Amino acid sequence: MIPAEKQPRERNRVPEGSYTKFSWLLFIYILFATTAVWSQKPVYTEDLSSLRPKVVSEAGPKKDTLKNKIEVERSTPRHTVNAKVDQVLDSIDRFNLTRRFVDGYTIQIYSGQKKEDALSASKKLVDAYPELKSNIQYQQPKFKVTVGKYFTRLEAQKDLLRLKRLFSSTILVPERIMIK
């Protein structure tokens, strides 16, 4: 036999069977609560629209009503800037007619000192992508092969990615593009 001092203490121990009693009581409580809700009668409703008096409106709206005054005020502009905007747009149009060049981009696929390499790069481009036209330029001491004329970097990006697969040294170069 174990002495009383060495026996484990049982201060927080729950008596056996109390959980099952509690769960049964909880189940019965929930059952009664739900049946009490089901047994309630619905709220009283009745349609009284047939008893309401019917109002007949006049033949047309009066001309002096506040609503009509507001609509008239909205339809006639007070402070228009159309003439000033037209002047600015005309000046921009005249300026654009005098412009010969715009800032844009081109794709450079070759840059080197050998003319034969430049010609072979141009031929390789025509074989792979016949819709793209190449341009060979000589700027002493280098030959440069460029492709296309693009107004924005976004336009050039699609062709740049296609040409990078074929030519590893492909780069996007800013250039002034002549307007026709």
N, C-alpha and C. Protein backbone atom coordinates (compact mmCIF):
# COMPACT_ATOMS: atom_id res chain seq x y z
N MET A 1 0.83 -1.17 0.00
CA MET A 1 0.00 0.00 0.00
C MET A 1 0.88 1.25 0.00
N ILE A 2 0.40 2.30 -0.72
CA ILE A 2 1.17 3.53 -0.84
C ILE A 2 0.78 4.47 0.30
N PRO A 3 1.77 5.08 0.92
CA PRO A 3 1.43 6.01 2.00
C PRO A 3 0.63 7.19 1.46
N ALA A 4 -0.13 7.85 2.30
CA ALA A 4 -1.02 8.94 1.91
C ALA A 4 -0.26 10.13 1.36
N GLU A 5 0.98 10.34 1.82
CA GLU A 5 1.74 11.48 1.32
C GLU A 5 2.16 11.30 -0.12
N LYS A 6 2.40 10.07 -0.55
CA LYS A 6 2.89 9.82 -1.89
C LYS A 6 1.79 9.54 -2.90
N GLN A 7 0.56 9.46 -2.48
CA GLN A 7 -0.54 9.21 -3.41
C GLN A 7 -0.82 10.50 -4.20
N PRO A 8 -1.16 10.35 -5.51
CA PRO A 8 -1.42 11.55 -6.32
C PRO A 8 -2.68 12.25 -5.85
N ARG A 9 -2.65 13.56 -5.95
CA ARG A 9 -3.80 14.36 -5.54
C ARG A 9 -4.85 14.37 -6.64
N GLU A 10 -6.10 14.40 -6.27
CA GLU A 10 -7.20 14.40 -7.23
C GLU A 10 -8.08 15.60 -6.99
N ARG A 11 -7.51 16.79 -7.07
CA ARG A 11 -8.31 17.96 -6.77
C ARG A 11 -9.14 18.44 -7.96
N ASN A 12 -8.71 18.32 -9.22
CA ASN A 12 -9.45 18.81 -10.38
C ASN A 12 -10.12 17.68 -11.15
N ARG A 13 -10.31 16.61 -10.57
CA ARG A 13 -10.87 15.47 -11.26
C ARG A 13 -12.38 15.58 -11.30
N VAL A 14 -12.96 15.28 -12.50
CA VAL A 14 -14.41 15.33 -12.69
C VAL A 14 -14.94 13.92 -12.48
N PRO A 15 -16.05 13.79 -11.75
CA PRO A 15 -16.59 12.44 -11.51
C PRO A 15 -17.04 11.79 -12.83
N GLU A 16 -16.88 10.51 -12.91
CA GLU A 16 -17.25 9.78 -14.12
C GLU A 16 -18.75 9.85 -14.35
N GLY A 17 -19.14 10.01 -15.64
CA GLY A 17 -20.56 10.03 -15.99
C GLY A 17 -21.18 11.40 -15.98
N SER A 18 -20.48 12.42 -15.47
CA SER A 18 -21.07 13.76 -15.42
C SER A 18 -21.11 14.39 -16.81
N TYR A 19 -20.15 14.05 -17.70
CA TYR A 19 -20.17 14.59 -19.07
C TYR A 19 -21.36 14.05 -19.83
N THR A 20 -21.67 12.81 -19.66
CA THR A 20 -22.80 12.25 -20.39
C THR A 20 -24.11 12.84 -19.91
N LYS A 21 -24.24 13.11 -18.62
CA LYS A 21 -25.45 13.74 -18.10
C LYS A 21 -25.58 15.16 -18.65
N PHE A 22 -24.47 15.87 -18.68
CA PHE A 22 -24.47 17.25 -19.18
C PHE A 22 -24.83 17.29 -20.66
N SER A 23 -24.27 16.39 -21.44
CA SER A 23 -24.56 16.39 -22.88
C SER A 23 -26.02 16.05 -23.14
N TRP A 24 -26.61 15.13 -22.33
CA TRP A 24 -28.04 14.81 -22.52
C TRP A 24 -28.91 16.01 -22.15
N LEU A 25 -28.56 16.71 -21.11
CA LEU A 25 -29.33 17.89 -20.71
C LEU A 25 -29.23 19.00 -21.77
N LEU A 26 -28.05 19.18 -22.32
CA LEU A 26 -27.86 20.17 -23.37
C LEU A 26 -28.67 19.81 -24.62
N PHE A 27 -28.68 18.55 -24.99
CA PHE A 27 -29.45 18.09 -26.14
C PHE A 27 -30.95 18.34 -25.92
N ILE A 28 -31.46 18.04 -24.76
CA ILE A 28 -32.89 18.24 -24.48
C ILE A 28 -33.23 19.73 -24.49
N TYR A 29 -32.36 20.57 -23.96
CA TYR A 29 -32.59 22.02 -23.94
C TYR A 29 -32.66 22.56 -25.37
N ILE A 30 -31.73 22.17 -26.23
CA ILE A 30 -31.71 22.63 -27.62
C ILE A 30 -32.95 22.13 -28.35
N LEU A 31 -33.38 20.90 -28.06
CA LEU A 31 -34.57 20.35 -28.70
C LEU A 31 -35.81 21.17 -28.33
N PHE A 32 -35.98 21.50 -27.06
CA PHE A 32 -37.13 22.31 -26.64
C PHE A 32 -37.07 23.73 -27.18
N ALA A 33 -35.86 24.29 -27.26
CA ALA A 33 -35.73 25.66 -27.77
C ALA A 33 -36.10 25.73 -29.25
N THR A 34 -35.71 24.75 -30.02
CA THR A 34 -36.03 24.78 -31.45
C THR A 34 -37.50 24.51 -31.69
N THR A 35 -38.11 23.64 -30.91
CA THR A 35 -39.54 23.38 -31.10
C THR A 35 -40.37 24.57 -30.65
N ALA A 36 -39.87 25.35 -29.69
CA ALA A 36 -40.59 26.54 -29.26
C ALA A 36 -40.60 27.58 -30.38
N VAL A 37 -39.53 27.70 -31.13
CA VAL A 37 -39.46 28.64 -32.25
C VAL A 37 -40.38 28.18 -33.37
N TRP A 38 -40.46 26.88 -33.61
CA TRP A 38 -41.30 26.37 -34.70
C TRP A 38 -42.79 26.54 -34.38
N SER A 39 -43.10 26.52 -33.11
CA SER A 39 -44.51 26.55 -32.75
C SER A 39 -45.10 27.96 -32.76
N GLN A 40 -44.26 29.00 -32.95
CA GLN A 40 -44.78 30.36 -32.99
C GLN A 40 -45.60 30.57 -34.25
N LYS A 41 -46.65 31.37 -34.13
CA LYS A 41 -47.51 31.66 -35.27
C LYS A 41 -46.87 32.77 -36.11
N PRO A 42 -47.13 32.79 -37.43
CA PRO A 42 -46.56 33.85 -38.27
C PRO A 42 -47.15 35.21 -37.93
N VAL A 43 -46.43 36.26 -38.30
CA VAL A 43 -46.87 37.63 -38.05
C VAL A 43 -48.07 37.93 -38.93
N TYR A 44 -49.02 38.69 -38.40
CA TYR A 44 -50.25 39.02 -39.13
C TYR A 44 -49.93 39.94 -40.31
N THR A 45 -50.37 39.56 -41.52
CA THR A 45 -50.21 40.39 -42.71
C THR A 45 -51.53 40.44 -43.46
N GLU A 46 -51.78 41.61 -44.05
CA GLU A 46 -53.00 41.77 -44.83
C GLU A 46 -52.73 42.84 -45.89
N ASP A 47 -53.25 42.63 -47.08
CA ASP A 47 -53.07 43.57 -48.18
C ASP A 47 -54.20 44.59 -48.17
N LEU A 48 -53.87 45.85 -47.90
CA LEU A 48 -54.86 46.92 -47.82
C LEU A 48 -54.79 47.86 -49.03
N SER A 49 -54.08 47.48 -50.08
CA SER A 49 -53.93 48.36 -51.24
C SER A 49 -55.27 48.62 -51.95
N SER A 50 -56.21 47.71 -51.83
CA SER A 50 -57.51 47.93 -52.49
C SER A 50 -58.32 49.02 -51.80
N LEU A 51 -58.02 49.33 -50.54
CA LEU A 51 -58.76 50.34 -49.79
C LEU A 51 -58.14 51.74 -49.88
N ARG A 52 -56.97 51.87 -50.44
CA ARG A 52 -56.31 53.17 -50.52
C ARG A 52 -57.04 54.06 -51.52
N PRO A 53 -57.11 55.37 -51.24
CA PRO A 53 -57.73 56.27 -52.22
C PRO A 53 -56.81 56.46 -53.42
N LYS A 54 -57.39 56.57 -54.59
CA LYS A 54 -56.61 56.76 -55.81
C LYS A 54 -56.60 58.24 -56.16
N VAL A 55 -55.38 58.78 -56.44
CA VAL A 55 -55.21 60.19 -56.75
C VAL A 55 -55.01 60.32 -58.25
N VAL A 56 -55.78 61.20 -58.87
CA VAL A 56 -55.66 61.45 -60.30
C VAL A 56 -54.83 62.71 -60.48
N SER A 57 -53.76 62.62 -61.26
CA SER A 57 -52.90 63.78 -61.46
C SER A 57 -53.50 64.70 -62.52
N GLU A 58 -53.01 65.93 -62.53
CA GLU A 58 -53.50 66.91 -63.51
C GLU A 58 -53.03 66.53 -64.91
N ALA A 59 -53.54 67.20 -65.91
CA ALA A 59 -53.25 66.86 -67.30
C ALA A 59 -51.77 66.99 -67.63
N GLY A 60 -51.10 67.98 -67.15
CA GLY A 60 -49.68 68.17 -67.45
C GLY A 60 -49.02 68.95 -66.33
N PRO A 61 -47.70 68.96 -66.30
CA PRO A 61 -47.02 69.71 -65.26
C PRO A 61 -47.14 71.21 -65.51
N LYS A 62 -47.15 71.97 -64.44
CA LYS A 62 -47.23 73.41 -64.58
C LYS A 62 -45.92 73.94 -65.15
N LYS A 63 -46.00 75.05 -65.86
CA LYS A 63 -44.81 75.61 -66.49
C LYS A 63 -43.93 76.35 -65.50
N ASP A 64 -44.48 76.75 -64.37
CA ASP A 64 -43.72 77.53 -63.42
C ASP A 64 -43.16 76.71 -62.26
N THR A 65 -43.14 75.41 -62.38
CA THR A 65 -42.66 74.59 -61.28
C THR A 65 -41.15 74.74 -61.15
N LEU A 66 -40.64 74.43 -59.98
CA LEU A 66 -39.22 74.54 -59.70
C LEU A 66 -38.42 73.53 -60.53
N LYS A 67 -39.00 72.36 -60.74
CA LYS A 67 -38.32 71.32 -61.52
C LYS A 67 -38.08 71.80 -62.95
N ASN A 68 -39.07 72.44 -63.56
CA ASN A 68 -38.91 72.94 -64.93
C ASN A 68 -37.87 74.06 -64.99
N LYS A 69 -37.81 74.92 -63.97
CA LYS A 69 -36.81 75.98 -63.95
C LYS A 69 -35.41 75.40 -63.88
N ILE A 70 -35.22 74.37 -63.09
CA ILE A 70 -33.90 73.75 -62.97
C ILE A 70 -33.49 73.11 -64.29
N GLU A 71 -34.42 72.45 -64.98
CA GLU A 71 -34.11 71.84 -66.27
C GLU A 71 -33.72 72.88 -67.30
N VAL A 72 -34.39 74.03 -67.31
CA VAL A 72 -34.06 75.09 -68.25
C VAL A 72 -32.68 75.64 -67.96
N GLU A 73 -32.34 75.81 -66.68
CA GLU A 73 -31.02 76.32 -66.31
C GLU A 73 -29.93 75.33 -66.70
N ARG A 74 -30.19 74.05 -66.60
CA ARG A 74 -29.18 73.05 -66.96
C ARG A 74 -28.96 73.00 -68.47
N SER A 75 -29.97 73.26 -69.24
CA SER A 75 -29.85 73.10 -70.68
C SER A 75 -29.11 74.26 -71.35
N THR A 76 -29.05 75.42 -70.72
CA THR A 76 -28.33 76.55 -71.33
C THR A 76 -27.02 76.76 -70.57
N PRO A 77 -25.89 76.53 -71.24
CA PRO A 77 -24.60 76.70 -70.56
C PRO A 77 -24.31 78.17 -70.30
N ARG A 78 -23.73 78.44 -69.17
CA ARG A 78 -23.44 79.82 -68.80
C ARG A 78 -22.00 80.19 -69.10
N HIS A 79 -21.07 79.39 -68.62
CA HIS A 79 -19.65 79.71 -68.73
C HIS A 79 -18.98 78.68 -69.66
N THR A 80 -19.09 78.87 -70.93
CA THR A 80 -18.50 77.91 -71.86
C THR A 80 -17.07 78.31 -72.19
N VAL A 81 -16.26 77.31 -72.42
CA VAL A 81 -14.88 77.54 -72.81
C VAL A 81 -14.61 76.96 -74.19
N ASN A 82 -15.66 76.67 -74.92
CA ASN A 82 -15.51 76.03 -76.22
C ASN A 82 -14.64 76.84 -77.17
N ALA A 83 -14.82 78.16 -77.22
CA ALA A 83 -14.04 79.00 -78.13
C ALA A 83 -12.56 78.96 -77.76
N LYS A 84 -12.25 78.99 -76.47
CA LYS A 84 -10.85 78.95 -76.04
C LYS A 84 -10.22 77.59 -76.34
N VAL A 85 -10.97 76.53 -76.11
CA VAL A 85 -10.46 75.18 -76.39
C VAL A 85 -10.23 75.01 -77.88
N ASP A 86 -11.13 75.53 -78.70
CA ASP A 86 -10.95 75.44 -80.15
C ASP A 86 -9.69 76.16 -80.59
N GLN A 87 -9.39 77.30 -80.01
CA GLN A 87 -8.17 78.03 -80.36
C GLN A 87 -6.92 77.22 -80.01
N VAL A 88 -6.93 76.61 -78.84
CA VAL A 88 -5.77 75.81 -78.42
C VAL A 88 -5.61 74.60 -79.33
N LEU A 89 -6.70 73.93 -79.66
CA LEU A 89 -6.62 72.76 -80.54
C LEU A 89 -6.14 73.15 -81.94
N ASP A 90 -6.57 74.30 -82.43
CA ASP A 90 -6.11 74.77 -83.74
C ASP A 90 -4.61 75.06 -83.72
N SER A 91 -4.12 75.66 -82.64
CA SER A 91 -2.68 75.96 -82.57
C SER A 91 -1.87 74.67 -82.49
N ILE A 92 -2.37 73.68 -81.76
CA ILE A 92 -1.67 72.38 -81.70
C ILE A 92 -1.67 71.72 -83.06
N ASP A 93 -2.78 71.81 -83.78
CA ASP A 93 -2.87 71.22 -85.11
C ASP A 93 -1.89 71.89 -86.07
N ARG A 94 -1.80 73.23 -86.02
CA ARG A 94 -0.85 73.94 -86.89
C ARG A 94 0.60 73.55 -86.56
N PHE A 95 0.90 73.40 -85.26
CA PHE A 95 2.24 72.99 -84.86
C PHE A 95 2.56 71.59 -85.36
N ASN A 96 1.61 70.69 -85.29
CA ASN A 96 1.82 69.31 -85.75
C ASN A 96 2.02 69.25 -87.26
N LEU A 97 1.40 70.16 -88.02
CA LEU A 97 1.60 70.18 -89.47
C LEU A 97 3.01 70.59 -89.84
N THR A 98 3.66 71.39 -89.02
CA THR A 98 5.02 71.85 -89.33
C THR A 98 6.09 70.86 -88.89
N ARG A 99 5.74 69.89 -88.06
CA ARG A 99 6.73 68.92 -87.57
C ARG A 99 7.09 67.93 -88.67
N ARG A 100 8.36 67.67 -88.80
CA ARG A 100 8.84 66.69 -89.78
C ARG A 100 9.29 65.39 -89.12
N PHE A 101 9.73 65.47 -87.86
CA PHE A 101 10.26 64.31 -87.16
C PHE A 101 9.57 64.16 -85.80
N VAL A 102 9.49 62.92 -85.35
CA VAL A 102 9.02 62.63 -83.99
C VAL A 102 10.03 61.70 -83.32
N ASP A 103 10.05 61.73 -82.00
CA ASP A 103 10.93 60.83 -81.27
C ASP A 103 10.30 59.44 -81.24
N GLY A 104 11.09 58.44 -81.57
CA GLY A 104 10.60 57.08 -81.60
C GLY A 104 11.72 56.09 -81.31
N TYR A 105 11.51 54.86 -81.76
CA TYR A 105 12.48 53.79 -81.50
C TYR A 105 12.66 52.93 -82.74
N THR A 106 13.82 52.29 -82.81
CA THR A 106 14.10 51.28 -83.82
C THR A 106 14.87 50.15 -83.14
N ILE A 107 14.88 49.00 -83.78
CA ILE A 107 15.55 47.83 -83.20
C ILE A 107 16.84 47.58 -83.98
N GLN A 108 17.95 47.54 -83.27
CA GLN A 108 19.25 47.29 -83.90
C GLN A 108 19.61 45.83 -83.70
N ILE A 109 19.80 45.11 -84.82
CA ILE A 109 20.11 43.68 -84.70
C ILE A 109 21.59 43.38 -84.92
N TYR A 110 22.33 44.31 -85.54
CA TYR A 110 23.76 44.08 -85.75
C TYR A 110 24.48 45.42 -85.73
N SER A 111 25.68 45.41 -85.16
CA SER A 111 26.58 46.55 -85.18
C SER A 111 28.00 46.01 -85.18
N GLY A 112 28.72 46.28 -86.27
CA GLY A 112 30.09 45.79 -86.37
C GLY A 112 30.82 46.39 -87.55
N GLN A 113 32.09 45.99 -87.73
CA GLN A 113 32.92 46.59 -88.76
C GLN A 113 32.92 45.82 -90.07
N LYS A 114 32.31 44.66 -90.13
CA LYS A 114 32.34 43.85 -91.35
C LYS A 114 31.04 44.00 -92.12
N LYS A 115 31.18 44.35 -93.38
CA LYS A 115 30.01 44.53 -94.24
C LYS A 115 29.34 43.19 -94.53
N GLU A 116 30.13 42.13 -94.68
CA GLU A 116 29.58 40.81 -94.97
C GLU A 116 28.69 40.32 -93.82
N ASP A 117 29.10 40.58 -92.59
CA ASP A 117 28.28 40.18 -91.43
C ASP A 117 26.97 40.96 -91.39
N ALA A 118 27.03 42.23 -91.76
CA ALA A 118 25.81 43.05 -91.79
C ALA A 118 24.85 42.53 -92.85
N LEU A 119 25.38 42.19 -94.02
CA LEU A 119 24.53 41.66 -95.10
C LEU A 119 23.95 40.29 -94.73
N SER A 120 24.74 39.46 -94.07
CA SER A 120 24.24 38.14 -93.68
C SER A 120 23.17 38.28 -92.59
N ALA A 121 23.32 39.23 -91.68
CA ALA A 121 22.30 39.46 -90.65
C ALA A 121 21.00 39.94 -91.29
N SER A 122 21.12 40.79 -92.30
CA SER A 122 19.93 41.28 -93.01
C SER A 122 19.24 40.15 -93.75
N LYS A 123 20.02 39.28 -94.40
CA LYS A 123 19.45 38.14 -95.13
C LYS A 123 18.80 37.15 -94.16
N LYS A 124 19.45 36.90 -93.01
CA LYS A 124 18.90 36.00 -92.00
C LYS A 124 17.55 36.53 -91.47
N LEU A 125 17.44 37.87 -91.32
CA LEU A 125 16.20 38.49 -90.87
C LEU A 125 15.09 38.30 -91.90
N VAL A 126 15.40 38.53 -93.18
CA VAL A 126 14.40 38.40 -94.24
C VAL A 126 13.92 36.95 -94.35
N ASP A 127 14.84 35.99 -94.16
CA ASP A 127 14.45 34.59 -94.21
C ASP A 127 13.53 34.20 -93.05
N ALA A 128 13.81 34.71 -91.86
CA ALA A 128 13.04 34.35 -90.67
C ALA A 128 11.72 35.12 -90.59
N TYR A 129 11.78 36.42 -90.85
CA TYR A 129 10.60 37.28 -90.74
C TYR A 129 10.48 38.15 -92.00
N PRO A 130 9.80 37.66 -93.04
CA PRO A 130 9.74 38.43 -94.28
C PRO A 130 8.91 39.72 -94.16
N GLU A 131 8.05 39.83 -93.15
CA GLU A 131 7.24 41.04 -93.01
C GLU A 131 8.04 42.22 -92.45
N LEU A 132 9.20 41.96 -91.83
CA LEU A 132 10.04 43.02 -91.28
C LEU A 132 11.09 43.43 -92.30
N LYS A 133 11.28 44.74 -92.44
CA LYS A 133 12.27 45.26 -93.39
C LYS A 133 13.49 45.77 -92.63
N SER A 134 14.65 45.41 -93.12
CA SER A 134 15.88 45.84 -92.46
C SER A 134 16.47 47.03 -93.21
N ASN A 135 17.29 47.78 -92.49
CA ASN A 135 17.95 48.96 -93.05
C ASN A 135 19.42 48.89 -92.65
N ILE A 136 20.32 48.90 -93.63
CA ILE A 136 21.75 48.83 -93.35
C ILE A 136 22.31 50.25 -93.46
N GLN A 137 22.98 50.70 -92.39
CA GLN A 137 23.58 52.03 -92.37
C GLN A 137 25.07 51.90 -92.10
N TYR A 138 25.83 52.80 -92.70
CA TYR A 138 27.26 52.83 -92.41
C TYR A 138 27.58 54.16 -91.74
N GLN A 139 27.98 54.07 -90.48
CA GLN A 139 28.45 55.23 -89.74
C GLN A 139 29.88 54.89 -89.33
N GLN A 140 30.79 55.59 -89.94
CA GLN A 140 32.20 55.23 -89.84
C GLN A 140 32.62 55.02 -88.40
N PRO A 141 33.20 53.96 -88.01
CA PRO A 141 33.71 52.82 -88.75
C PRO A 141 32.80 51.59 -88.66
N LYS A 142 31.50 51.75 -88.38
CA LYS A 142 30.64 50.59 -88.13
C LYS A 142 29.49 50.51 -89.12
N PHE A 143 29.07 49.25 -89.36
CA PHE A 143 27.84 48.98 -90.09
C PHE A 143 26.76 48.66 -89.05
N LYS A 144 25.58 49.20 -89.26
CA LYS A 144 24.47 48.94 -88.34
C LYS A 144 23.28 48.44 -89.14
N VAL A 145 22.64 47.39 -88.66
CA VAL A 145 21.43 46.87 -89.28
C VAL A 145 20.28 47.13 -88.30
N THR A 146 19.30 47.92 -88.75
CA THR A 146 18.15 48.26 -87.91
C THR A 146 16.87 47.74 -88.54
N VAL A 147 15.86 47.58 -87.70
CA VAL A 147 14.57 47.05 -88.14
C VAL A 147 13.46 47.94 -87.58
N GLY A 148 12.53 48.34 -88.45
CA GLY A 148 11.29 49.00 -88.04
C GLY A 148 11.43 50.41 -87.52
N LYS A 149 10.28 51.07 -87.45
CA LYS A 149 10.16 52.40 -86.87
C LYS A 149 8.94 52.37 -85.96
N TYR A 150 9.17 52.61 -84.68
CA TYR A 150 8.12 52.51 -83.68
C TYR A 150 7.99 53.84 -82.95
N PHE A 151 6.75 54.25 -82.71
CA PHE A 151 6.51 55.51 -82.03
C PHE A 151 6.61 55.37 -80.51
N THR A 152 6.30 54.19 -79.98
CA THR A 152 6.40 53.96 -78.54
C THR A 152 7.23 52.72 -78.26
N ARG A 153 7.72 52.67 -77.05
CA ARG A 153 8.53 51.53 -76.62
C ARG A 153 7.68 50.26 -76.55
N LEU A 154 6.41 50.43 -76.21
CA LEU A 154 5.50 49.29 -76.10
C LEU A 154 5.27 48.61 -77.46
N GLU A 155 5.15 49.42 -78.51
CA GLU A 155 4.99 48.85 -79.85
C GLU A 155 6.20 48.02 -80.25
N ALA A 156 7.39 48.50 -79.93
CA ALA A 156 8.62 47.83 -80.32
C ALA A 156 8.90 46.58 -79.51
N GLN A 157 8.33 46.48 -78.34
CA GLN A 157 8.65 45.39 -77.43
C GLN A 157 8.30 44.02 -78.02
N LYS A 158 7.19 43.91 -78.73
CA LYS A 158 6.78 42.62 -79.30
C LYS A 158 7.81 42.11 -80.31
N ASP A 159 8.21 42.99 -81.24
CA ASP A 159 9.20 42.57 -82.23
C ASP A 159 10.58 42.38 -81.60
N LEU A 160 10.89 43.17 -80.59
CA LEU A 160 12.18 43.03 -79.92
C LEU A 160 12.33 41.64 -79.30
N LEU A 161 11.27 41.16 -78.66
CA LEU A 161 11.33 39.83 -78.05
C LEU A 161 11.46 38.73 -79.11
N ARG A 162 10.78 38.90 -80.24
CA ARG A 162 10.90 37.90 -81.32
C ARG A 162 12.30 37.89 -81.89
N LEU A 163 12.90 39.07 -82.09
CA LEU A 163 14.22 39.16 -82.71
C LEU A 163 15.34 38.75 -81.76
N LYS A 164 15.12 38.84 -80.45
CA LYS A 164 16.15 38.42 -79.47
C LYS A 164 16.41 36.93 -79.57
N ARG A 165 15.39 36.16 -79.99
CA ARG A 165 15.60 34.71 -80.14
C ARG A 165 16.55 34.41 -81.29
N LEU A 166 16.49 35.25 -82.31
CA LEU A 166 17.30 35.03 -83.52
C LEU A 166 18.67 35.71 -83.43
N PHE A 167 18.71 36.92 -82.88
CA PHE A 167 19.95 37.69 -82.76
C PHE A 167 20.16 38.02 -81.29
N SER A 168 21.24 37.54 -80.72
CA SER A 168 21.46 37.72 -79.28
C SER A 168 21.82 39.16 -78.92
N SER A 169 22.39 39.92 -79.85
CA SER A 169 22.84 41.28 -79.54
C SER A 169 21.78 42.34 -79.89
N THR A 170 20.53 41.95 -80.00
CA THR A 170 19.46 42.88 -80.37
C THR A 170 19.19 43.86 -79.23
N ILE A 171 19.11 45.17 -79.60
CA ILE A 171 18.80 46.19 -78.60
C ILE A 171 17.80 47.18 -79.19
N LEU A 172 17.13 47.92 -78.30
CA LEU A 172 16.19 48.95 -78.70
C LEU A 172 16.92 50.29 -78.66
N VAL A 173 16.85 51.03 -79.77
CA VAL A 173 17.60 52.28 -79.89
C VAL A 173 16.65 53.45 -80.12
N PRO A 174 16.77 54.55 -79.35
CA PRO A 174 15.95 55.73 -79.62
C PRO A 174 16.37 56.38 -80.94
N GLU A 175 15.40 56.84 -81.70
CA GLU A 175 15.71 57.44 -83.00
C GLU A 175 14.63 58.44 -83.36
N ARG A 176 14.99 59.43 -84.16
CA ARG A 176 14.01 60.39 -84.68
C ARG A 176 13.43 59.81 -85.94
N ILE A 177 12.10 59.73 -85.99
CA ILE A 177 11.41 59.12 -87.12
C ILE A 177 10.79 60.23 -87.98
N MET A 178 11.03 60.14 -89.29
CA MET A 178 10.49 61.13 -90.22
C MET A 178 9.01 60.84 -90.49
N ILE A 179 8.18 61.89 -90.40
CA ILE A 179 6.75 61.75 -90.67
C ILE A 179 6.52 62.01 -92.13
N LYS A 180 5.70 61.18 -92.77
CA LYS A 180 5.43 61.35 -94.21
C LYS A 180 4.35 62.36 -94.43
